[in-house]
Amino acid sequence: MDEKWRPYISFLKDIALGVALWFLITTFVGEARQIPSGSMEPTIQIGDRVWTDKLFLSLGEIQRGDIVVFDPPFATEYPYIKRVIGLPGETVEVKKGGKVYINGEALTEPYIAEAPGYDYGPVQVPQGQYLVLGDNRNQSNDGHYWGFLQREKISARAVYRFWPFARAGGL
């Protein structure tokens, strides 16, 4: 190889390695997401940027309170982000102006914008599915409209807000 090409070849190898690492990280580990709507306010605001964890799908269980990223059960141009409320096998009920009840017990939810302005259920969450709701319950296109979310549709869990810096921290 001609010595004059050595720096260019080295540069191209570095670029290829960087692209391969980016692809592996965003495919298997996690990625950044920008929030396009107010459905998760006050927890996550429009324009916030969050880091998502994809590894938890293979290393752990989905738990109530997890904020998950998923493809909704209908066509949209971007994935949704909502909070897991109902787990498989649980009975969920939402009472207008009140609370969410899981198997007859009130759920403590300090993260919601305001009490729900609707009634929902009681319904039993099927096996392999979840009920997901936005924290801004009255302004969220979520499971109380379109039903349950299949586990296969969940792609990641939001774990950390990194922008804006003033509100950076775990979710």
N, C-alpha and C. Protein backbone atom coordinates (compact mmCIF):
# COMPACT_ATOMS: atom_id res chain seq x y z
N MET A 1 0.85 -1.18 0.00
CA MET A 1 0.00 0.00 0.00
C MET A 1 0.90 1.24 0.00
N ASP A 2 0.50 2.20 -0.78
CA ASP A 2 1.23 3.45 -0.86
C ASP A 2 1.08 4.20 0.45
N GLU A 3 2.16 4.70 1.01
CA GLU A 3 2.16 5.38 2.31
C GLU A 3 1.27 6.63 2.33
N LYS A 4 1.06 7.26 1.21
CA LYS A 4 0.24 8.48 1.20
C LYS A 4 -1.23 8.18 1.49
N TRP A 5 -1.67 6.93 1.29
CA TRP A 5 -3.07 6.56 1.53
C TRP A 5 -3.31 6.07 2.95
N ARG A 6 -2.25 5.76 3.68
CA ARG A 6 -2.40 5.21 5.03
C ARG A 6 -3.28 6.06 5.94
N PRO A 7 -3.13 7.39 6.02
CA PRO A 7 -4.01 8.19 6.90
C PRO A 7 -5.48 8.12 6.49
N TYR A 8 -5.74 8.06 5.19
CA TYR A 8 -7.13 8.00 4.72
C TYR A 8 -7.76 6.65 5.06
N ILE A 9 -7.00 5.59 4.88
CA ILE A 9 -7.48 4.25 5.22
C ILE A 9 -7.77 4.17 6.71
N SER A 10 -6.87 4.70 7.53
CA SER A 10 -7.06 4.71 8.98
C SER A 10 -8.32 5.50 9.35
N PHE A 11 -8.51 6.64 8.73
CA PHE A 11 -9.70 7.45 8.98
C PHE A 11 -10.97 6.69 8.61
N LEU A 12 -10.99 6.03 7.46
CA LEU A 12 -12.16 5.26 7.03
C LEU A 12 -12.44 4.09 7.98
N LYS A 13 -11.40 3.46 8.50
CA LYS A 13 -11.59 2.39 9.48
C LYS A 13 -12.24 2.93 10.75
N ASP A 14 -11.78 4.11 11.21
CA ASP A 14 -12.36 4.73 12.40
C ASP A 14 -13.83 5.07 12.19
N ILE A 15 -14.17 5.59 11.03
CA ILE A 15 -15.56 5.92 10.71
C ILE A 15 -16.40 4.64 10.69
N ALA A 16 -15.91 3.59 10.06
CA ALA A 16 -16.64 2.33 9.99
C ALA A 16 -16.85 1.75 11.39
N LEU A 17 -15.84 1.82 12.24
CA LEU A 17 -15.97 1.32 13.62
C LEU A 17 -17.00 2.15 14.38
N GLY A 18 -16.97 3.46 14.21
CA GLY A 18 -17.95 4.33 14.87
C GLY A 18 -19.37 4.03 14.43
N VAL A 19 -19.58 3.82 13.16
CA VAL A 19 -20.92 3.50 12.64
C VAL A 19 -21.37 2.14 13.18
N ALA A 20 -20.47 1.17 13.20
CA ALA A 20 -20.82 -0.17 13.72
C ALA A 20 -21.18 -0.09 15.21
N LEU A 21 -20.42 0.66 15.99
CA LEU A 21 -20.73 0.81 17.42
C LEU A 21 -22.06 1.52 17.62
N TRP A 22 -22.31 2.59 16.88
CA TRP A 22 -23.59 3.31 16.96
C TRP A 22 -24.75 2.36 16.66
N PHE A 23 -24.60 1.56 15.59
CA PHE A 23 -25.65 0.62 15.21
C PHE A 23 -25.90 -0.40 16.32
N LEU A 24 -24.85 -0.97 16.87
CA LEU A 24 -25.00 -1.96 17.94
C LEU A 24 -25.64 -1.36 19.19
N ILE A 25 -25.21 -0.16 19.58
CA ILE A 25 -25.76 0.48 20.78
C ILE A 25 -27.23 0.80 20.59
N THR A 26 -27.59 1.44 19.47
CA THR A 26 -28.99 1.84 19.28
C THR A 26 -29.90 0.65 19.00
N THR A 27 -29.35 -0.45 18.54
CA THR A 27 -30.17 -1.64 18.29
C THR A 27 -30.39 -2.46 19.55
N PHE A 28 -29.36 -2.60 20.38
CA PHE A 28 -29.45 -3.54 21.50
C PHE A 28 -29.38 -2.92 22.89
N VAL A 29 -28.81 -1.74 23.04
CA VAL A 29 -28.59 -1.17 24.37
C VAL A 29 -29.61 -0.08 24.69
N GLY A 30 -29.70 0.93 23.88
CA GLY A 30 -30.62 2.03 24.13
C GLY A 30 -30.40 3.15 23.14
N GLU A 31 -31.25 4.17 23.25
CA GLU A 31 -31.11 5.32 22.36
C GLU A 31 -31.81 6.53 22.95
N ALA A 32 -31.48 7.67 22.40
CA ALA A 32 -32.11 8.91 22.84
C ALA A 32 -33.43 9.10 22.10
N ARG A 33 -34.40 9.68 22.79
CA ARG A 33 -35.71 9.98 22.21
C ARG A 33 -36.11 11.39 22.60
N GLN A 34 -36.72 12.10 21.66
CA GLN A 34 -37.29 13.42 21.96
C GLN A 34 -38.79 13.25 22.13
N ILE A 35 -39.36 13.92 23.13
CA ILE A 35 -40.78 13.78 23.46
C ILE A 35 -41.60 14.77 22.63
N PRO A 36 -42.55 14.25 21.80
CA PRO A 36 -43.29 15.13 20.90
C PRO A 36 -44.62 15.65 21.43
N SER A 37 -45.11 15.11 22.56
CA SER A 37 -46.43 15.53 23.02
C SER A 37 -46.45 15.73 24.53
N GLY A 38 -47.54 16.28 25.02
CA GLY A 38 -47.68 16.54 26.45
C GLY A 38 -48.39 15.44 27.21
N SER A 39 -48.51 14.26 26.64
CA SER A 39 -49.28 13.19 27.28
C SER A 39 -48.64 12.65 28.55
N MET A 40 -47.35 12.92 28.77
CA MET A 40 -46.68 12.43 29.98
C MET A 40 -46.36 13.56 30.95
N GLU A 41 -46.91 14.75 30.71
CA GLU A 41 -46.71 15.86 31.65
C GLU A 41 -47.41 15.54 32.96
N PRO A 42 -46.90 15.92 34.09
CA PRO A 42 -45.74 16.77 34.30
C PRO A 42 -44.40 16.02 34.36
N THR A 43 -44.41 14.68 34.30
CA THR A 43 -43.18 13.92 34.43
C THR A 43 -42.20 14.22 33.31
N ILE A 44 -42.69 14.17 32.07
CA ILE A 44 -41.86 14.43 30.89
C ILE A 44 -42.57 15.49 30.07
N GLN A 45 -41.86 16.54 29.71
CA GLN A 45 -42.44 17.67 28.99
C GLN A 45 -42.16 17.59 27.50
N ILE A 46 -42.95 18.33 26.72
CA ILE A 46 -42.72 18.42 25.28
C ILE A 46 -41.30 18.93 25.05
N GLY A 47 -40.56 18.26 24.17
CA GLY A 47 -39.20 18.66 23.85
C GLY A 47 -38.13 18.05 24.73
N ASP A 48 -38.51 17.43 25.85
CA ASP A 48 -37.52 16.74 26.68
C ASP A 48 -36.85 15.65 25.85
N ARG A 49 -35.63 15.37 26.21
CA ARG A 49 -34.91 14.26 25.58
C ARG A 49 -34.57 13.25 26.66
N VAL A 50 -34.89 11.99 26.38
CA VAL A 50 -34.68 10.94 27.36
C VAL A 50 -33.83 9.82 26.76
N TRP A 51 -33.10 9.13 27.65
CA TRP A 51 -32.35 7.95 27.24
C TRP A 51 -33.21 6.73 27.55
N THR A 52 -33.28 5.82 26.60
CA THR A 52 -34.08 4.62 26.78
C THR A 52 -33.19 3.39 26.90
N ASP A 53 -33.65 2.43 27.68
CA ASP A 53 -32.94 1.19 27.95
C ASP A 53 -33.64 0.05 27.23
N LYS A 54 -32.95 -0.60 26.30
CA LYS A 54 -33.53 -1.74 25.59
C LYS A 54 -33.14 -3.07 26.24
N LEU A 55 -32.07 -3.07 27.02
CA LEU A 55 -31.59 -4.31 27.64
C LEU A 55 -32.57 -4.88 28.66
N PHE A 56 -33.36 -4.02 29.31
CA PHE A 56 -34.26 -4.50 30.35
C PHE A 56 -35.26 -5.53 29.82
N LEU A 57 -35.55 -5.47 28.53
CA LEU A 57 -36.51 -6.41 27.95
C LEU A 57 -36.01 -7.85 28.03
N SER A 58 -34.70 -8.03 27.96
CA SER A 58 -34.15 -9.38 28.04
C SER A 58 -33.59 -9.70 29.41
N LEU A 59 -33.34 -8.67 30.22
CA LEU A 59 -32.71 -8.91 31.53
C LEU A 59 -33.66 -8.79 32.71
N GLY A 60 -34.83 -8.20 32.52
CA GLY A 60 -35.72 -7.97 33.64
C GLY A 60 -37.18 -8.05 33.24
N GLU A 61 -38.03 -7.75 34.17
CA GLU A 61 -39.47 -7.78 33.96
C GLU A 61 -40.03 -6.37 33.85
N ILE A 62 -41.09 -6.23 33.11
CA ILE A 62 -41.81 -4.96 33.04
C ILE A 62 -42.60 -4.83 34.33
N GLN A 63 -42.46 -3.69 34.98
CA GLN A 63 -43.12 -3.47 36.27
C GLN A 63 -44.05 -2.27 36.20
N ARG A 64 -45.03 -2.25 37.11
CA ARG A 64 -45.92 -1.09 37.21
C ARG A 64 -45.07 0.14 37.51
N GLY A 65 -45.36 1.21 36.83
CA GLY A 65 -44.61 2.44 37.01
C GLY A 65 -43.52 2.65 35.98
N ASP A 66 -43.09 1.59 35.28
CA ASP A 66 -42.11 1.76 34.21
C ASP A 66 -42.69 2.66 33.14
N ILE A 67 -41.86 3.53 32.60
CA ILE A 67 -42.25 4.37 31.47
C ILE A 67 -41.67 3.70 30.24
N VAL A 68 -42.55 3.22 29.36
CA VAL A 68 -42.10 2.41 28.24
C VAL A 68 -42.31 3.11 26.90
N VAL A 69 -41.46 2.76 25.95
CA VAL A 69 -41.54 3.22 24.57
C VAL A 69 -42.08 2.05 23.76
N PHE A 70 -43.05 2.31 22.89
CA PHE A 70 -43.68 1.22 22.16
C PHE A 70 -44.31 1.71 20.87
N ASP A 71 -44.56 0.76 19.99
CA ASP A 71 -45.35 1.03 18.79
C ASP A 71 -46.80 0.82 19.18
N PRO A 72 -47.64 1.86 19.06
CA PRO A 72 -49.05 1.71 19.45
C PRO A 72 -49.75 0.72 18.52
N PRO A 73 -50.91 0.22 18.95
CA PRO A 73 -51.61 -0.79 18.15
C PRO A 73 -52.28 -0.24 16.89
N PHE A 74 -51.91 0.94 16.48
CA PHE A 74 -52.43 1.56 15.25
C PHE A 74 -51.27 2.33 14.62
N ALA A 75 -51.38 2.66 13.36
CA ALA A 75 -50.29 3.30 12.63
C ALA A 75 -50.09 4.75 13.08
N THR A 76 -48.86 5.10 13.40
CA THR A 76 -48.46 6.49 13.69
C THR A 76 -47.09 6.71 13.08
N GLU A 77 -46.66 7.96 13.07
CA GLU A 77 -45.34 8.24 12.51
C GLU A 77 -44.22 8.12 13.54
N TYR A 78 -44.56 7.96 14.80
CA TYR A 78 -43.51 7.83 15.82
C TYR A 78 -44.01 6.94 16.97
N PRO A 79 -43.08 6.34 17.69
CA PRO A 79 -43.47 5.51 18.84
C PRO A 79 -44.09 6.35 19.95
N TYR A 80 -44.85 5.71 20.81
CA TYR A 80 -45.46 6.36 21.97
C TYR A 80 -44.63 6.08 23.21
N ILE A 81 -44.86 6.90 24.23
CA ILE A 81 -44.23 6.70 25.52
C ILE A 81 -45.31 6.91 26.59
N LYS A 82 -45.50 5.89 27.44
CA LYS A 82 -46.55 5.93 28.48
C LYS A 82 -46.06 5.15 29.70
N ARG A 83 -46.83 5.26 30.78
CA ARG A 83 -46.50 4.56 32.03
C ARG A 83 -47.30 3.26 32.13
N VAL A 84 -46.63 2.19 32.54
CA VAL A 84 -47.31 0.91 32.76
C VAL A 84 -48.12 1.01 34.05
N ILE A 85 -49.42 0.75 33.95
CA ILE A 85 -50.32 0.81 35.10
C ILE A 85 -50.85 -0.58 35.45
N GLY A 86 -51.37 -1.30 34.47
CA GLY A 86 -51.95 -2.62 34.71
C GLY A 86 -51.06 -3.72 34.18
N LEU A 87 -50.79 -4.72 35.02
CA LEU A 87 -49.96 -5.87 34.65
C LEU A 87 -50.84 -7.05 34.26
N PRO A 88 -50.29 -8.03 33.54
CA PRO A 88 -51.08 -9.18 33.13
C PRO A 88 -51.79 -9.85 34.31
N GLY A 89 -53.09 -10.11 34.11
CA GLY A 89 -53.89 -10.79 35.12
C GLY A 89 -54.55 -9.88 36.14
N GLU A 90 -54.18 -8.62 36.18
CA GLU A 90 -54.75 -7.69 37.16
C GLU A 90 -56.08 -7.12 36.65
N THR A 91 -56.93 -6.74 37.61
CA THR A 91 -58.17 -6.04 37.29
C THR A 91 -57.95 -4.56 37.55
N VAL A 92 -58.21 -3.74 36.54
CA VAL A 92 -57.97 -2.30 36.61
C VAL A 92 -59.28 -1.55 36.44
N GLU A 93 -59.45 -0.52 37.26
CA GLU A 93 -60.61 0.36 37.14
C GLU A 93 -60.16 1.79 37.37
N VAL A 94 -60.69 2.71 36.55
CA VAL A 94 -60.43 4.13 36.72
C VAL A 94 -61.76 4.79 37.01
N LYS A 95 -61.81 5.56 38.09
CA LYS A 95 -63.05 6.24 38.45
C LYS A 95 -62.90 7.74 38.19
N LYS A 96 -63.86 8.29 37.48
CA LYS A 96 -63.86 9.71 37.10
C LYS A 96 -63.65 10.60 38.32
N GLY A 97 -62.70 11.54 38.17
CA GLY A 97 -62.41 12.48 39.24
C GLY A 97 -61.75 11.83 40.44
N GLY A 98 -61.36 10.58 40.28
CA GLY A 98 -60.81 9.86 41.42
C GLY A 98 -59.49 9.21 41.15
N LYS A 99 -59.47 7.90 41.28
CA LYS A 99 -58.23 7.18 41.26
C LYS A 99 -58.28 5.98 40.34
N VAL A 100 -57.10 5.39 40.19
CA VAL A 100 -56.96 4.10 39.53
C VAL A 100 -56.96 3.04 40.62
N TYR A 101 -57.69 1.96 40.36
CA TYR A 101 -57.75 0.84 41.31
C TYR A 101 -57.19 -0.40 40.63
N ILE A 102 -56.28 -1.06 41.33
CA ILE A 102 -55.70 -2.32 40.88
C ILE A 102 -56.20 -3.41 41.82
N ASN A 103 -56.94 -4.37 41.28
CA ASN A 103 -57.52 -5.45 42.09
C ASN A 103 -58.26 -4.89 43.31
N GLY A 104 -58.96 -3.78 43.11
CA GLY A 104 -59.79 -3.18 44.17
C GLY A 104 -59.06 -2.24 45.10
N GLU A 105 -57.73 -2.11 44.99
CA GLU A 105 -56.97 -1.22 45.87
C GLU A 105 -56.54 0.03 45.10
N ALA A 106 -56.70 1.20 45.74
CA ALA A 106 -56.34 2.47 45.11
C ALA A 106 -54.83 2.53 44.89
N LEU A 107 -54.47 3.01 43.72
CA LEU A 107 -53.06 3.18 43.36
C LEU A 107 -52.62 4.59 43.72
N THR A 108 -51.52 4.73 44.42
CA THR A 108 -50.96 6.04 44.74
C THR A 108 -50.17 6.52 43.52
N GLU A 109 -50.55 7.70 43.00
CA GLU A 109 -49.93 8.21 41.79
C GLU A 109 -49.54 9.69 41.94
N PRO A 110 -48.44 9.98 42.58
CA PRO A 110 -48.04 11.37 42.75
C PRO A 110 -47.57 12.03 41.46
N TYR A 111 -47.39 11.27 40.40
CA TYR A 111 -46.84 11.76 39.15
C TYR A 111 -47.88 12.29 38.16
N ILE A 112 -49.20 12.09 38.41
CA ILE A 112 -50.19 12.50 37.40
C ILE A 112 -50.45 14.01 37.44
N ALA A 113 -50.87 14.55 36.29
CA ALA A 113 -51.16 15.97 36.17
C ALA A 113 -52.42 16.35 36.94
N GLU A 114 -53.47 15.53 36.81
CA GLU A 114 -54.74 15.75 37.50
C GLU A 114 -55.52 14.43 37.52
N ALA A 115 -56.51 14.37 38.36
CA ALA A 115 -57.33 13.16 38.46
C ALA A 115 -58.02 12.89 37.13
N PRO A 116 -58.20 11.62 36.77
CA PRO A 116 -58.85 11.30 35.51
C PRO A 116 -60.27 11.85 35.45
N GLY A 117 -60.63 12.37 34.29
CA GLY A 117 -61.98 12.89 34.07
C GLY A 117 -62.85 11.89 33.35
N TYR A 118 -62.58 10.61 33.54
CA TYR A 118 -63.33 9.56 32.86
C TYR A 118 -63.41 8.32 33.74
N ASP A 119 -64.36 7.46 33.41
CA ASP A 119 -64.45 6.14 34.03
C ASP A 119 -63.92 5.12 33.03
N TYR A 120 -63.29 4.07 33.56
CA TYR A 120 -62.78 3.00 32.71
C TYR A 120 -62.82 1.70 33.50
N GLY A 121 -63.39 0.68 32.90
CA GLY A 121 -63.40 -0.63 33.54
C GLY A 121 -64.52 -0.80 34.53
N PRO A 122 -64.41 -1.82 35.37
CA PRO A 122 -63.22 -2.65 35.57
C PRO A 122 -63.00 -3.62 34.41
N VAL A 123 -61.70 -3.84 34.11
CA VAL A 123 -61.28 -4.76 33.06
C VAL A 123 -60.12 -5.59 33.59
N GLN A 124 -60.01 -6.81 33.08
CA GLN A 124 -58.87 -7.65 33.45
C GLN A 124 -57.86 -7.60 32.32
N VAL A 125 -56.60 -7.35 32.68
CA VAL A 125 -55.52 -7.27 31.70
C VAL A 125 -55.18 -8.70 31.25
N PRO A 126 -55.24 -8.98 29.94
CA PRO A 126 -54.92 -10.32 29.46
C PRO A 126 -53.44 -10.67 29.67
N GLN A 127 -53.16 -11.97 29.69
CA GLN A 127 -51.78 -12.42 29.80
C GLN A 127 -50.97 -11.91 28.60
N GLY A 128 -49.73 -11.51 28.86
CA GLY A 128 -48.85 -11.02 27.80
C GLY A 128 -49.16 -9.61 27.34
N GLN A 129 -50.05 -8.90 28.08
CA GLN A 129 -50.42 -7.54 27.71
C GLN A 129 -50.38 -6.64 28.94
N TYR A 130 -50.42 -5.32 28.69
CA TYR A 130 -50.33 -4.32 29.74
C TYR A 130 -51.31 -3.19 29.47
N LEU A 131 -51.72 -2.52 30.53
CA LEU A 131 -52.49 -1.29 30.38
C LEU A 131 -51.51 -0.15 30.62
N VAL A 132 -51.37 0.73 29.62
CA VAL A 132 -50.47 1.87 29.75
C VAL A 132 -51.29 3.15 29.65
N LEU A 133 -50.96 4.11 30.52
CA LEU A 133 -51.65 5.40 30.55
C LEU A 133 -50.62 6.51 30.60
N GLY A 134 -50.99 7.67 30.04
CA GLY A 134 -50.15 8.84 30.16
C GLY A 134 -50.32 9.47 31.53
N ASP A 135 -49.30 10.18 32.00
CA ASP A 135 -49.41 10.87 33.28
C ASP A 135 -50.36 12.06 33.19
N ASN A 136 -50.54 12.60 32.02
CA ASN A 136 -51.49 13.67 31.77
C ASN A 136 -52.79 13.01 31.32
N ARG A 137 -53.43 12.30 32.25
CA ARG A 137 -54.53 11.37 31.96
C ARG A 137 -55.62 11.94 31.06
N ASN A 138 -55.97 13.18 31.24
CA ASN A 138 -57.09 13.74 30.50
C ASN A 138 -56.69 14.26 29.12
N GLN A 139 -55.40 14.24 28.81
CA GLN A 139 -54.91 14.72 27.52
C GLN A 139 -54.03 13.67 26.84
N SER A 140 -54.30 12.40 27.10
CA SER A 140 -53.44 11.34 26.60
C SER A 140 -54.21 10.32 25.77
N ASN A 141 -53.71 10.05 24.57
CA ASN A 141 -54.23 8.97 23.73
C ASN A 141 -53.54 7.70 24.19
N ASP A 142 -54.21 6.97 25.09
CA ASP A 142 -53.55 5.84 25.74
C ASP A 142 -54.48 4.64 25.84
N GLY A 143 -54.12 3.71 26.70
CA GLY A 143 -54.86 2.46 26.83
C GLY A 143 -56.32 2.61 27.21
N HIS A 144 -56.71 3.72 27.83
CA HIS A 144 -58.13 3.85 28.15
C HIS A 144 -58.96 4.13 26.90
N TYR A 145 -58.31 4.51 25.80
CA TYR A 145 -58.99 4.66 24.50
C TYR A 145 -58.89 3.40 23.66
N TRP A 146 -57.67 2.88 23.51
CA TRP A 146 -57.46 1.81 22.55
C TRP A 146 -57.16 0.44 23.16
N GLY A 147 -57.22 0.31 24.46
CA GLY A 147 -57.11 -1.02 25.06
C GLY A 147 -55.72 -1.39 25.51
N PHE A 148 -55.42 -2.66 25.45
CA PHE A 148 -54.20 -3.19 26.02
C PHE A 148 -53.05 -3.19 25.03
N LEU A 149 -51.84 -3.21 25.58
CA LEU A 149 -50.62 -3.19 24.78
C LEU A 149 -49.94 -4.54 24.88
N GLN A 150 -49.66 -5.15 23.74
CA GLN A 150 -48.95 -6.43 23.73
C GLN A 150 -47.49 -6.22 24.09
N ARG A 151 -46.94 -7.15 24.84
CA ARG A 151 -45.54 -7.05 25.28
C ARG A 151 -44.59 -6.90 24.09
N GLU A 152 -44.89 -7.57 22.98
CA GLU A 152 -44.02 -7.53 21.80
C GLU A 152 -43.90 -6.13 21.21
N LYS A 153 -44.85 -5.26 21.49
CA LYS A 153 -44.83 -3.90 20.95
C LYS A 153 -43.89 -2.99 21.74
N ILE A 154 -43.52 -3.40 22.96
CA ILE A 154 -42.65 -2.58 23.80
C ILE A 154 -41.20 -2.73 23.34
N SER A 155 -40.54 -1.60 23.06
CA SER A 155 -39.18 -1.64 22.55
C SER A 155 -38.13 -1.16 23.55
N ALA A 156 -38.54 -0.37 24.55
CA ALA A 156 -37.55 0.17 25.49
C ALA A 156 -38.27 0.75 26.71
N ARG A 157 -37.47 1.10 27.70
CA ARG A 157 -37.97 1.77 28.90
C ARG A 157 -37.20 3.08 29.03
N ALA A 158 -37.93 4.19 29.24
CA ALA A 158 -37.29 5.48 29.45
C ALA A 158 -36.70 5.50 30.86
N VAL A 159 -35.43 5.83 30.98
CA VAL A 159 -34.78 5.75 32.29
C VAL A 159 -34.16 7.07 32.77
N TYR A 160 -33.82 7.97 31.85
CA TYR A 160 -33.10 9.17 32.27
C TYR A 160 -33.41 10.33 31.33
N ARG A 161 -33.75 11.47 31.91
CA ARG A 161 -33.92 12.71 31.11
C ARG A 161 -32.57 13.41 31.12
N PHE A 162 -32.04 13.68 29.91
CA PHE A 162 -30.76 14.38 29.83
C PHE A 162 -30.88 15.79 29.28
N TRP A 163 -32.05 16.16 28.79
CA TRP A 163 -32.29 17.52 28.31
C TRP A 163 -33.71 17.92 28.64
N PRO A 164 -33.94 19.09 29.16
CA PRO A 164 -32.97 20.15 29.45
C PRO A 164 -32.15 19.83 30.72
N PHE A 165 -30.97 20.37 30.74
CA PHE A 165 -30.04 20.08 31.85
C PHE A 165 -30.63 20.42 33.21
N ALA A 166 -31.43 21.47 33.27
CA ALA A 166 -32.01 21.90 34.56
C ALA A 166 -32.91 20.84 35.18
N ARG A 167 -33.48 19.96 34.35
CA ARG A 167 -34.35 18.90 34.88
C ARG A 167 -33.76 17.51 34.63
N ALA A 168 -32.49 17.43 34.34
CA ALA A 168 -31.86 16.14 34.09
C ALA A 168 -31.95 15.25 35.32
N GLY A 169 -32.16 13.97 35.08
CA GLY A 169 -32.22 13.01 36.18
C GLY A 169 -33.03 11.79 35.81
N GLY A 170 -33.06 10.83 36.70
CA GLY A 170 -33.79 9.58 36.49
C GLY A 170 -35.28 9.79 36.42
N LEU A 171 -35.93 8.89 35.71
CA LEU A 171 -37.39 8.97 35.56
C LEU A 171 -38.07 7.95 36.43
